[in-house]
C-alpha atoms as a PDB file:
ATOM      1  CA  UNK A   1     -18.317  -8.788  -1.067  1.00  0.00           C
ATOM      2  CA  UNK A   2     -15.652  -6.431  -2.391  1.00  0.00           C
ATOM      3  CA  UNK A   3     -12.857  -8.174  -4.265  1.00  0.00           C
ATOM      4  CA  UNK A   4      -9.438  -6.516  -4.332  1.00  0.00           C
ATOM      5  CA  UNK A   5      -6.998  -7.660  -7.038  1.00  0.00           C
ATOM      6  CA  UNK A   6      -3.299  -7.003  -6.576  1.00  0.00           C
ATOM      7  CA  UNK A   7       0.158  -8.387  -7.243  1.00  0.00           C
ATOM      8  CA  UNK A   8       1.990 -10.174  -4.444  1.00  0.00           C
ATOM      9  CA  UNK A   9       5.454  -8.961  -3.472  1.00  0.00           C
ATOM     10  CA  UNK A  10       8.387 -11.232  -2.681  1.00  0.00           C
ATOM     11  CA  UNK A  11       7.771 -10.967   1.073  1.00  0.00           C
ATOM     12  CA  UNK A  12       4.042 -11.782   0.992  1.00  0.00           C
ATOM     13  CA  UNK A  13       3.974 -15.590   0.896  1.00  0.00           C
ATOM     14  CA  UNK A  14       1.922 -15.505   4.100  1.00  0.00           C
ATOM     15  CA  UNK A  15      -1.043 -14.182   2.056  1.00  0.00           C
ATOM     16  CA  UNK A  16      -1.237 -17.664   0.503  1.00  0.00           C
ATOM     17  CA  UNK A  17      -1.885 -19.255   3.909  1.00  0.00           C
ATOM     18  CA  UNK A  18      -5.602 -18.461   3.577  1.00  0.00           C
ATOM     19  CA  UNK A  19      -6.853 -19.707   0.201  1.00  0.00           C
ATOM     20  CA  UNK A  20     -10.417 -20.707  -0.703  1.00  0.00           C
ATOM     21  CA  UNK A  21     -11.056 -24.246  -1.941  1.00  0.00           C
ATOM     22  CA  UNK A  22     -10.673 -24.615  -5.689  1.00  0.00           C
ATOM     23  CA  UNK A  23      -8.231 -21.777  -6.305  1.00  0.00           C
ATOM     24  CA  UNK A  24      -5.179 -24.049  -6.562  1.00  0.00           C
ATOM     25  CA  UNK A  25      -5.049 -27.677  -7.665  1.00  0.00           C
ATOM     26  CA  UNK A  26      -3.291 -28.696  -4.437  1.00  0.00           C
ATOM     27  CA  UNK A  27      -2.664 -27.151  -0.995  1.00  0.00           C
ATOM     28  CA  UNK A  28      -0.151 -24.294  -1.064  1.00  0.00           C
ATOM     29  CA  UNK A  29       3.258 -25.287   0.267  1.00  0.00           C
ATOM     30  CA  UNK A  30       4.817 -22.347   2.147  1.00  0.00           C
ATOM     31  CA  UNK A  31       8.337 -23.260   0.967  1.00  0.00           C
ATOM     32  CA  UNK A  32       7.262 -23.258  -2.698  1.00  0.00           C
ATOM     33  CA  UNK A  33       5.242 -20.057  -2.243  1.00  0.00           C
ATOM     34  CA  UNK A  34       8.338 -18.285  -0.863  1.00  0.00           C
ATOM     35  CA  UNK A  35      10.528 -19.658  -3.669  1.00  0.00           C
ATOM     36  CA  UNK A  36       8.004 -18.632  -6.341  1.00  0.00           C
ATOM     37  CA  UNK A  37       7.565 -15.098  -5.025  1.00  0.00           C
ATOM     38  CA  UNK A  38      11.322 -14.605  -4.597  1.00  0.00           C
ATOM     39  CA  UNK A  39      11.912 -15.269  -8.308  1.00  0.00           C
ATOM     40  CA  UNK A  40      11.835 -11.934 -10.201  1.00  0.00           C
ATOM     41  CA  UNK A  41      10.768 -13.719 -13.420  1.00  0.00           C
ATOM     42  CA  UNK A  42       7.580 -15.097 -11.832  1.00  0.00           C
ATOM     43  CA  UNK A  43       4.492 -13.048 -10.950  1.00  0.00           C
ATOM     44  CA  UNK A  44       1.342 -13.791  -8.977  1.00  0.00           C
ATOM     45  CA  UNK A  45      -1.803 -11.695  -8.835  1.00  0.00           C
ATOM     46  CA  UNK A  46      -4.384 -12.515  -6.199  1.00  0.00           C
ATOM     47  CA  UNK A  47      -8.053 -11.676  -5.823  1.00  0.00           C
ATOM     48  CA  UNK A  48      -8.812 -11.082  -2.155  1.00  0.00           C
ATOM     49  CA  UNK A  49     -12.123 -11.098  -0.322  1.00  0.00           C
ATOM     50  CA  UNK A  50     -10.866  -9.613   2.919  1.00  0.00           C
ATOM     51  CA  UNK A  51      -7.887 -11.808   3.780  1.00  0.00           C
ATOM     52  CA  UNK A  52      -9.191 -14.835   1.819  1.00  0.00           C
ATOM     53  CA  UNK A  53      -7.582 -15.540  -1.557  1.00  0.00           C
ATOM     54  CA  UNK A  54     -10.481 -16.322  -3.926  1.00  0.00           C
ATOM     55  CA  UNK A  55      -8.551 -16.131  -7.200  1.00  0.00           C
ATOM     56  CA  UNK A  56      -5.071 -16.082  -8.690  1.00  0.00           C
ATOM     57  CA  UNK A  57      -3.310 -15.523 -11.981  1.00  0.00           C
ATOM     58  CA  UNK A  58       0.298 -16.576 -12.425  1.00  0.00           C
ATOM     59  CA  UNK A  59       2.637 -15.267 -15.103  1.00  0.00           C
ATOM     60  CA  UNK A  60       6.190 -15.668 -16.307  1.00  0.00           C
ATOM     61  CA  UNK A  61       8.324 -12.855 -17.720  1.00  0.00           C
ATOM     62  CA  UNK A  62       9.261 -13.902 -21.225  1.00  0.00           C
ATOM     63  CA  UNK A  63      12.011 -12.373 -23.325  1.00  0.00           C
ATOM     64  CA  UNK A  64      13.165 -13.133 -26.812  1.00  0.00           C
ATOM     65  CA  UNK A  65      16.125 -11.775 -28.797  1.00  0.00           C
ATOM     66  CA  UNK A  66      13.902  -9.693 -31.073  1.00  0.00           C
ATOM     67  CA  UNK A  67      11.037  -8.751 -28.697  1.00  0.00           C
ATOM     68  CA  UNK A  68      10.748  -6.731 -25.519  1.00  0.00           C
ATOM     69  CA  UNK A  69       9.869  -8.408 -22.249  1.00  0.00           C
ATOM     70  CA  UNK A  70       6.285  -9.578 -21.966  1.00  0.00           C
ATOM     71  CA  UNK A  71       4.255 -11.710 -19.574  1.00  0.00           C
ATOM     72  CA  UNK A  72       3.042 -15.170 -20.430  1.00  0.00           C
ATOM     73  CA  UNK A  73      -0.083 -15.987 -18.410  1.00  0.00           C
ATOM     74  CA  UNK A  74       0.503 -19.461 -17.058  1.00  0.00           C
ATOM     75  CA  UNK A  75      -2.540 -20.308 -14.964  1.00  0.00           C
ATOM     76  CA  UNK A  76      -5.731 -18.743 -13.605  1.00  0.00           C
ATOM     77  CA  UNK A  77      -7.652 -20.137 -10.632  1.00  0.00           C
ATOM     78  CA  UNK A  78     -10.923 -18.961  -9.096  1.00  0.00           C
ATOM     79  CA  UNK A  79     -12.862 -20.373  -6.152  1.00  0.00           C
ATOM     80  CA  UNK A  80     -16.222 -21.692  -7.400  1.00  0.00           C
ATOM     81  CA  UNK A  81     -18.046 -19.895  -4.558  1.00  0.00           C
ATOM     82  CA  UNK A  82     -16.470 -16.580  -5.571  1.00  0.00           C
ATOM     83  CA  UNK A  83     -17.915 -16.962  -9.051  1.00  0.00           C
ATOM     84  CA  UNK A  84     -21.312 -18.039  -7.771  1.00  0.00           C
ATOM     85  CA  UNK A  85     -21.614 -15.135  -5.344  1.00  0.00           C
ATOM     86  CA  UNK A  86     -21.073 -12.650  -8.186  1.00  0.00           C
ATOM     87  CA  UNK A  87     -23.734 -14.203 -10.464  1.00  0.00           C
ATOM     88  CA  UNK A  88     -27.434 -13.497  -9.978  1.00  0.00           C
ATOM     89  CA  UNK A  89     -29.454 -16.621  -9.295  1.00  0.00           C
ATOM     90  CA  UNK A  90     -26.530 -18.821  -8.251  1.00  0.00           C
ATOM     91  CA  UNK A  91     -26.610 -20.345  -4.796  1.00  0.00           C
END
């Protein structure tokens, strides 16, 4: 299994239609996925095994009057099977 990690663009909400169990707390709602990805202050990285999302990391662009823009990592989710398949001895 080769895992590809990349950022999703604003027009890629359809990628979130195929998500492994355990990555998100609840099923992905297409309307919220589109809204999230359209917001330039929000960011979503996905780990893909083929076309299956097996992990995500969400971030928010954070600015402050005396600091440059930085990302605040909000949440990380990984499918339990994706972890197990990468660890020797796990079935």
